[in-house]
Amino acid sequence: MAHERQVFDNVLDLVGNTPMIKLKKMTSDFKGNFLAKVESFNPGHSSKDRIALYIIEQAEKQGILKPGDTIIETTSGNTGFSLAMVSVIKGYDCILAVSSKSSADKIDMLKNMGAKVYVCPANVSADDPRSYYQVAKRLHDEMKGSVYINQYFNQLNIDAHYASTGPEIWNQTEGNITHLVACSGTGGTISGISKYLKEQNPNIKVIGVDAFGSVLKKYHETREFDDKEIYPYRIEGLGKNLIPTATDFDAIDKFVKVTDEESAHTAREIATTEGLFVGYTSGAAMQAVKQLDAEGEFKASDTIVVVFPDHGSRYMSKIYSDKWMSEQGFFDSKNAEAAQSIQYIK
């Protein structure tokens, strides 16, 4: 296995084979055995390393991507970072259209990885020419020798997780997994993992996590796109205001919606109980687990795997900033003490 080596050719050799870590303190009163698939152990600190490397290498094999070409993508930040990282190693230019909802930390990281970044307004429709979808398409149309990754509508997004994350989870649980809980944005992660796991055992229950303000849960239940479901929300990389073809809705058994506020607090709780400094979407995934346990979803004999997609360092100006949390109204009387944990000695 590659990770048994001590010296690597470059950071891309470290993509995948992320650890599974038991969640003990947060789940001590829950029924079931809970395991986190911690994707921040990828070199780019997120699960998006997998699709960035896989899609680019497939494009190279097919002759679509050639030396000197430019990679263009729409991203909430993590895919962009991963693409920029791969581009550095492989020698491609990288242009990224980013939602203004992405944290300042993420945007600064993209810039410092050598990418050219276009920040686009978050709260416009997907077909608005200012949306990050349309900006990326326009740049691709205008630029000769560019390849548009288009993760929301790219089957390779699913294939990457079918080829790597799914088998890893199956092997790490020795086939004992009964439930998968994962956030759904583009849908590639949950769809690819589900496809592999259900081939091994069709009884495994796959639960997607969606945001209030997103259309995914209702679309899964009705197969109807309802734009009345759409309103602004804060969580990045979770939910959508369109229907990505990279989501295989038939591979997902049900969706759970979580709030911005509870997801933020749960991410902070993961850090202070399990010692894992995880991102906003990881908090959302764990918040869904809390809600599912309260609904009686799990049995004592179940093995539940929850995907933690990225690292908390991407959210220092957001959920890990007391100032930002206060501005959102996320500190109430019950948890205001969290803002008092720093004492200055004069």
Protein backbone atom coordinates (compact mmCIF):
# COMPACT_ATOMS: atom_id res chain seq x y z
CA MET A 1 0.00 0.00 0.00
CA ALA A 2 1.33 3.45 -0.92
CA HIS A 3 1.06 4.80 2.63
CA GLU A 4 3.59 2.24 3.90
CA ARG A 5 6.32 4.17 2.07
CA GLN A 6 8.16 6.86 3.97
CA VAL A 7 9.17 8.99 0.97
CA PHE A 8 6.74 10.03 -1.78
CA ASP A 9 7.27 11.41 -5.27
CA ASN A 10 4.83 14.28 -4.61
CA VAL A 11 1.72 15.14 -2.58
CA LEU A 12 -0.59 13.39 -5.07
CA ASP A 13 0.70 10.02 -3.84
CA LEU A 14 -1.01 10.80 -0.53
CA VAL A 15 -4.54 11.13 -1.95
CA GLY A 16 -6.92 8.54 -0.50
CA ASN A 17 -6.54 5.82 2.15
CA THR A 18 -7.84 8.20 4.82
CA PRO A 19 -8.36 6.84 8.33
CA MET A 20 -11.54 5.72 10.05
CA ILE A 21 -11.78 7.04 13.61
CA LYS A 22 -14.23 5.88 16.28
CA LEU A 23 -16.55 8.56 17.67
CA LYS A 24 -16.93 7.76 21.35
CA LYS A 25 -17.70 10.79 23.49
CA MET A 26 -20.32 12.42 21.26
CA THR A 27 -22.14 9.13 20.73
CA SER A 28 -21.87 7.66 24.23
CA ASP A 29 -25.65 7.86 24.70
CA PHE A 30 -26.50 6.80 21.13
CA LYS A 31 -27.44 3.34 19.92
CA GLY A 32 -24.88 1.90 17.50
CA ASN A 33 -21.17 2.05 16.75
CA PHE A 34 -20.11 5.28 15.07
CA LEU A 35 -17.08 5.72 12.81
CA ALA A 36 -15.88 8.89 11.09
CA LYS A 37 -14.25 8.70 7.66
CA VAL A 38 -11.90 11.65 8.15
CA GLU A 39 -11.17 13.11 4.72
CA SER A 40 -9.05 15.99 6.05
CA PHE A 41 -6.16 13.49 6.09
CA ASN A 42 -5.94 13.92 2.31
CA PRO A 43 -3.02 16.24 1.39
CA GLY A 44 -5.43 18.99 0.31
CA HIS A 45 -7.42 18.45 3.52
CA SER A 46 -10.68 17.39 1.85
CA SER A 47 -12.46 14.59 0.01
CA LYS A 48 -12.26 16.71 -3.17
CA ASP A 49 -8.63 15.65 -3.66
CA ARG A 50 -10.01 12.34 -4.86
CA ILE A 51 -12.17 13.76 -7.66
CA ALA A 52 -9.62 16.39 -8.70
CA LEU A 53 -6.89 13.81 -9.25
CA TYR A 54 -9.22 11.20 -10.77
CA ILE A 55 -10.94 13.55 -13.24
CA ILE A 56 -7.68 15.18 -14.36
CA GLU A 57 -5.95 11.82 -14.88
CA GLN A 58 -8.94 10.50 -16.85
CA ALA A 59 -8.88 13.64 -19.02
CA GLU A 60 -5.14 13.11 -19.63
CA LYS A 61 -5.68 9.47 -20.62
CA GLN A 62 -8.42 10.48 -23.07
CA GLY A 63 -6.27 13.22 -24.60
CA ILE A 64 -8.73 15.94 -23.52
CA LEU A 65 -6.15 17.63 -21.30
CA LYS A 66 -2.77 18.46 -22.81
CA PRO A 67 0.40 20.21 -21.53
CA GLY A 68 -0.11 23.96 -21.28
CA ASP A 69 -3.91 23.71 -20.99
CA THR A 70 -5.99 25.57 -18.40
CA ILE A 71 -8.31 23.87 -15.91
CA ILE A 72 -11.53 25.79 -15.16
CA GLU A 73 -14.01 24.92 -12.44
CA THR A 74 -16.98 26.05 -10.38
CA THR A 75 -16.31 25.51 -6.68
CA SER A 76 -17.35 26.38 -3.14
CA GLY A 77 -13.65 26.17 -2.33
CA ASN A 78 -12.51 22.62 -1.61
CA THR A 79 -12.61 21.27 -5.17
CA GLY A 80 -10.84 24.41 -6.28
CA PHE A 81 -8.05 23.92 -3.78
CA SER A 82 -7.64 20.29 -4.84
CA LEU A 83 -7.59 21.23 -8.54
CA ALA A 84 -5.06 23.99 -7.87
CA MET A 85 -2.87 21.52 -5.98
CA VAL A 86 -3.00 18.95 -8.78
CA SER A 87 -2.39 21.72 -11.35
CA VAL A 88 0.77 22.82 -9.52
CA ILE A 89 2.22 19.30 -9.68
CA LYS A 90 1.12 18.59 -13.25
CA GLY A 91 1.89 22.02 -14.69
CA TYR A 92 -1.56 23.33 -15.66
CA ASP A 93 -2.99 26.81 -15.20
CA CYS A 94 -6.07 26.90 -12.96
CA ILE A 95 -9.01 29.33 -13.05
CA LEU A 96 -11.76 29.04 -10.46
CA ALA A 97 -15.23 30.60 -10.21
CA VAL A 98 -16.08 30.72 -6.51
CA SER A 99 -19.28 31.53 -4.64
CA SER A 100 -19.13 34.64 -2.46
CA LYS A 101 -20.45 32.35 0.31
CA SER A 102 -17.03 30.69 0.42
CA SER A 103 -15.00 31.77 3.42
CA ALA A 104 -12.23 34.33 3.04
CA ASP A 105 -9.84 31.61 4.22
CA LYS A 106 -10.75 29.39 1.28
CA ILE A 107 -10.43 32.21 -1.26
CA ASP A 108 -7.00 33.19 0.12
CA MET A 109 -5.88 29.56 -0.01
CA LEU A 110 -6.90 29.26 -3.67
CA LYS A 111 -4.99 32.42 -4.58
CA ASN A 112 -1.90 31.24 -2.73
CA MET A 113 -2.01 27.89 -4.55
CA GLY A 114 -1.54 29.80 -7.80
CA ALA A 115 -5.15 29.81 -9.02
CA LYS A 116 -6.87 32.80 -10.62
CA VAL A 117 -10.10 33.34 -8.70
CA TYR A 118 -13.40 34.91 -9.77
CA VAL A 119 -15.69 35.56 -6.78
CA CYS A 120 -19.34 35.45 -7.87
CA PRO A 121 -22.51 36.42 -5.96
CA ALA A 122 -23.98 33.45 -4.08
CA ASN A 123 -27.62 34.44 -3.92
CA VAL A 124 -28.45 34.52 -7.63
CA SER A 125 -30.14 31.81 -9.69
CA ALA A 126 -28.00 29.15 -11.35
CA ASP A 127 -28.78 30.55 -14.82
CA ASP A 128 -27.91 34.15 -13.90
CA PRO A 129 -24.86 35.25 -15.95
CA ARG A 130 -23.19 36.33 -12.67
CA SER A 131 -23.57 32.90 -11.04
CA TYR A 132 -20.39 30.91 -10.61
CA TYR A 133 -21.82 28.22 -12.91
CA GLN A 134 -22.31 30.67 -15.77
CA VAL A 135 -19.03 32.52 -15.17
CA ALA A 136 -17.07 29.27 -15.42
CA LYS A 137 -18.90 28.28 -18.62
CA ARG A 138 -18.23 31.71 -20.17
CA LEU A 139 -14.52 31.57 -19.33
CA HIS A 140 -14.29 28.08 -20.82
CA ASP A 141 -16.03 29.21 -24.02
CA GLU A 142 -13.70 32.21 -24.34
CA MET A 143 -10.45 30.40 -23.61
CA LYS A 144 -8.86 28.09 -26.13
CA GLY A 145 -7.09 25.09 -24.60
CA SER A 146 -9.25 25.06 -21.48
CA VAL A 147 -10.97 22.10 -19.83
CA TYR A 148 -14.09 22.68 -17.71
CA ILE A 149 -14.23 20.08 -14.94
CA ASN A 150 -17.95 20.72 -14.31
CA GLN A 151 -18.13 18.58 -11.15
CA TYR A 152 -21.90 19.03 -10.75
CA PHE A 153 -22.60 17.30 -14.06
CA ASN A 154 -19.62 14.98 -14.40
CA GLN A 155 -20.07 11.21 -14.03
CA LEU A 156 -16.38 10.96 -13.13
CA ASN A 157 -17.24 12.72 -9.84
CA ILE A 158 -19.22 9.61 -8.88
CA ASP A 159 -16.68 7.22 -10.40
CA ALA A 160 -13.84 8.63 -8.28
CA HIS A 161 -15.59 7.70 -5.04
CA TYR A 162 -16.81 4.38 -6.43
CA ALA A 163 -13.19 3.52 -7.19
CA SER A 164 -11.64 4.66 -3.89
CA THR A 165 -13.77 5.87 -0.98
CA GLY A 166 -16.40 3.14 -1.24
CA PRO A 167 -13.92 0.22 -1.20
CA GLU A 168 -11.95 1.86 1.62
CA ILE A 169 -15.06 2.14 3.82
CA TRP A 170 -16.10 -1.44 3.05
CA ASN A 171 -12.64 -2.78 3.91
CA GLN A 172 -12.15 -0.62 7.00
CA THR A 173 -15.46 -1.80 8.48
CA GLU A 174 -14.76 -5.38 7.33
CA GLY A 175 -18.14 -5.30 5.59
CA ASN A 176 -20.03 -4.57 8.80
CA ILE A 177 -21.30 -1.11 7.84
CA THR A 178 -25.10 -0.80 8.14
CA HIS A 179 -25.54 2.97 7.56
CA LEU A 180 -23.69 5.68 5.64
CA VAL A 181 -24.35 9.32 6.53
CA ALA A 182 -22.85 11.87 4.14
CA CYS A 183 -23.54 15.42 3.02
CA SER A 184 -24.76 15.97 -0.51
CA GLY A 185 -23.61 18.95 -2.57
CA THR A 186 -22.57 17.86 -6.03
CA GLY A 187 -23.61 14.40 -4.83
CA GLY A 188 -20.53 12.66 -6.16
CA THR A 189 -19.23 11.51 -2.78
CA ILE A 190 -22.45 9.98 -1.47
CA SER A 191 -23.46 8.54 -4.88
CA GLY A 192 -20.11 6.88 -5.61
CA ILE A 193 -19.73 5.44 -2.12
CA SER A 194 -23.33 4.21 -2.16
CA LYS A 195 -22.98 2.54 -5.54
CA TYR A 196 -20.01 0.50 -4.32
CA LEU A 197 -21.43 -0.34 -0.90
CA LYS A 198 -24.85 -1.40 -2.19
CA GLU A 199 -23.16 -3.73 -4.68
CA GLN A 200 -21.57 -5.46 -1.68
CA ASN A 201 -24.71 -5.34 0.49
CA PRO A 202 -27.95 -3.80 -0.83
CA ASN A 203 -29.32 -3.55 2.72
CA ILE A 204 -26.87 -0.80 3.70
CA LYS A 205 -28.90 2.36 4.32
CA VAL A 206 -27.51 5.52 2.72
CA ILE A 207 -28.65 8.81 4.23
CA GLY A 208 -27.95 12.16 2.60
CA VAL A 209 -27.62 15.42 4.51
CA ASP A 210 -29.22 18.52 3.00
CA ALA A 211 -29.53 22.17 4.07
CA PHE A 212 -32.65 24.22 4.65
CA GLY A 213 -32.77 26.50 1.60
CA SER A 214 -31.74 23.68 -0.75
CA VAL A 215 -33.89 21.70 -3.21
CA LEU A 216 -32.30 18.24 -2.86
CA LYS A 217 -34.45 16.59 -0.16
CA LYS A 218 -37.76 17.51 -1.78
CA TYR A 219 -36.48 16.52 -5.23
CA HIS A 220 -35.43 13.13 -3.85
CA GLU A 221 -38.92 12.57 -2.43
CA THR A 222 -41.02 13.95 -5.31
CA ARG A 223 -38.65 14.14 -8.33
CA GLU A 224 -39.92 17.69 -8.75
CA PHE A 225 -37.73 20.79 -8.70
CA ASP A 226 -39.36 23.35 -6.40
CA ASP A 227 -37.74 26.77 -6.55
CA LYS A 228 -39.88 27.84 -3.58
CA GLU A 229 -37.53 25.72 -1.45
CA ILE A 230 -34.61 28.01 -2.31
CA TYR A 231 -33.44 30.71 0.08
CA PRO A 232 -30.01 31.85 1.32
CA TYR A 233 -28.18 29.66 3.83
CA ARG A 234 -24.66 29.70 5.24
CA ILE A 235 -23.25 26.17 5.02
CA GLU A 236 -20.78 25.80 2.15
CA GLY A 237 -20.54 22.69 -0.01
CA LEU A 238 -23.89 21.29 1.11
CA GLY A 239 -27.23 21.43 -0.70
CA LYS A 240 -27.96 23.02 -4.05
CA ASN A 241 -30.26 25.43 -5.90
CA LEU A 242 -30.18 23.13 -8.94
CA ILE A 243 -30.26 19.37 -9.54
CA PRO A 244 -26.73 18.01 -10.21
CA THR A 245 -26.56 14.99 -12.50
CA ALA A 246 -23.60 13.89 -10.35
CA THR A 247 -26.20 12.95 -7.74
CA ASP A 248 -27.66 9.47 -8.17
CA PHE A 249 -30.87 9.96 -6.22
CA ASP A 250 -31.75 6.27 -6.56
CA ALA A 251 -28.59 5.39 -4.60
CA ILE A 252 -29.74 7.45 -1.60
CA ASP A 253 -32.40 6.03 0.73
CA LYS A 254 -33.42 9.27 2.41
CA PHE A 255 -32.37 12.83 3.18
CA VAL A 256 -32.19 14.72 6.47
CA LYS A 257 -32.14 18.52 6.62
CA VAL A 258 -29.99 20.39 9.14
CA THR A 259 -29.83 24.04 10.15
CA ASP A 260 -26.90 26.42 9.74
CA GLU A 261 -26.77 27.15 13.46
CA GLU A 262 -26.91 23.59 14.79
CA SER A 263 -24.34 22.43 12.22
CA ALA A 264 -21.93 25.18 13.29
CA HIS A 265 -22.22 24.31 16.97
CA THR A 266 -21.88 20.59 16.26
CA ALA A 267 -18.64 21.19 14.32
CA ARG A 268 -17.28 23.04 17.36
CA GLU A 269 -18.46 20.20 19.60
CA ILE A 270 -16.58 17.63 17.50
CA ALA A 271 -13.39 19.61 18.12
CA THR A 272 -13.88 19.84 21.89
CA THR A 273 -15.06 16.25 22.44
CA GLU A 274 -13.36 14.09 19.80
CA GLY A 275 -10.29 16.29 19.20
CA LEU A 276 -11.05 16.46 15.47
CA PHE A 277 -10.86 19.96 13.98
CA VAL A 278 -13.38 19.57 11.17
CA GLY A 279 -15.24 21.78 8.72
CA TYR A 280 -18.79 23.13 8.55
CA THR A 281 -20.11 20.23 6.45
CA SER A 282 -18.64 17.74 8.93
CA GLY A 283 -20.66 19.48 11.61
CA ALA A 284 -23.72 19.17 9.37
CA ALA A 285 -23.14 15.43 8.90
CA MET A 286 -22.77 14.88 12.65
CA GLN A 287 -25.83 17.03 13.34
CA ALA A 288 -27.78 14.70 11.04
CA VAL A 289 -26.51 11.73 13.07
CA LYS A 290 -27.82 13.38 16.25
CA GLN A 291 -31.24 13.89 14.66
CA LEU A 292 -31.35 10.35 13.30
CA ASP A 293 -30.49 8.90 16.71
CA ALA A 294 -33.26 10.97 18.30
CA GLU A 295 -35.67 9.55 15.70
CA GLY A 296 -34.69 5.98 16.64
CA GLU A 297 -32.98 5.26 13.30
CA PHE A 298 -30.19 3.09 14.75
CA LYS A 299 -29.96 -0.18 16.70
CA ALA A 300 -27.23 -1.08 19.19
CA SER A 301 -25.74 -3.59 16.73
CA ASP A 302 -25.51 -1.08 13.84
CA THR A 303 -22.25 0.28 12.43
CA ILE A 304 -22.72 3.84 11.20
CA VAL A 305 -20.08 5.56 9.07
CA VAL A 306 -20.27 9.35 8.87
CA VAL A 307 -18.15 11.18 6.29
CA PHE A 308 -16.27 14.23 7.58
CA PRO A 309 -15.39 15.94 4.27
CA ASP A 310 -12.87 18.63 5.21
CA HIS A 311 -10.75 20.44 7.80
CA GLY A 312 -11.67 23.21 10.20
CA SER A 313 -8.84 25.47 9.02
CA ARG A 314 -11.03 26.40 6.04
CA TYR A 315 -13.54 28.07 8.37
CA MET A 316 -11.47 30.21 10.73
CA SER A 317 -13.30 33.36 9.64
CA LYS A 318 -16.65 31.62 9.89
CA ILE A 319 -17.78 28.96 12.38
CA TYR A 320 -14.56 29.12 14.41
CA SER A 321 -14.77 32.91 14.68
CA ASP A 322 -16.74 34.09 17.71
CA LYS A 323 -17.31 37.39 15.91
CA TRP A 324 -18.89 35.66 12.88
CA MET A 325 -20.97 33.36 15.09
CA SER A 326 -22.27 36.37 17.03
CA GLU A 327 -23.05 38.27 13.83
CA GLN A 328 -25.16 35.33 12.65
CA GLY A 329 -27.04 35.25 15.96
CA PHE A 330 -25.62 31.79 16.69
CA PHE A 331 -24.56 32.57 20.28
CA ASP A 332 -27.54 32.44 22.63
CA SER A 333 -27.56 32.45 26.43
CA LYS A 334 -26.92 28.70 26.55
CA ASN A 335 -23.66 28.78 24.62
CA ALA A 336 -22.46 32.36 25.07
CA GLU A 337 -19.71 31.09 27.37
CA ALA A 338 -17.92 29.77 24.28
CA ALA A 339 -17.08 33.37 23.47
CA GLN A 340 -15.51 33.89 26.90
CA SER A 341 -12.83 31.20 26.70
CA ILE A 342 -9.91 33.61 26.04
CA GLN A 343 -8.49 35.59 28.96
CA TYR A 344 -6.03 38.42 28.29
CA ILE A 345 -3.44 39.08 31.00
CA LYS A 346 -2.43 42.74 31.20
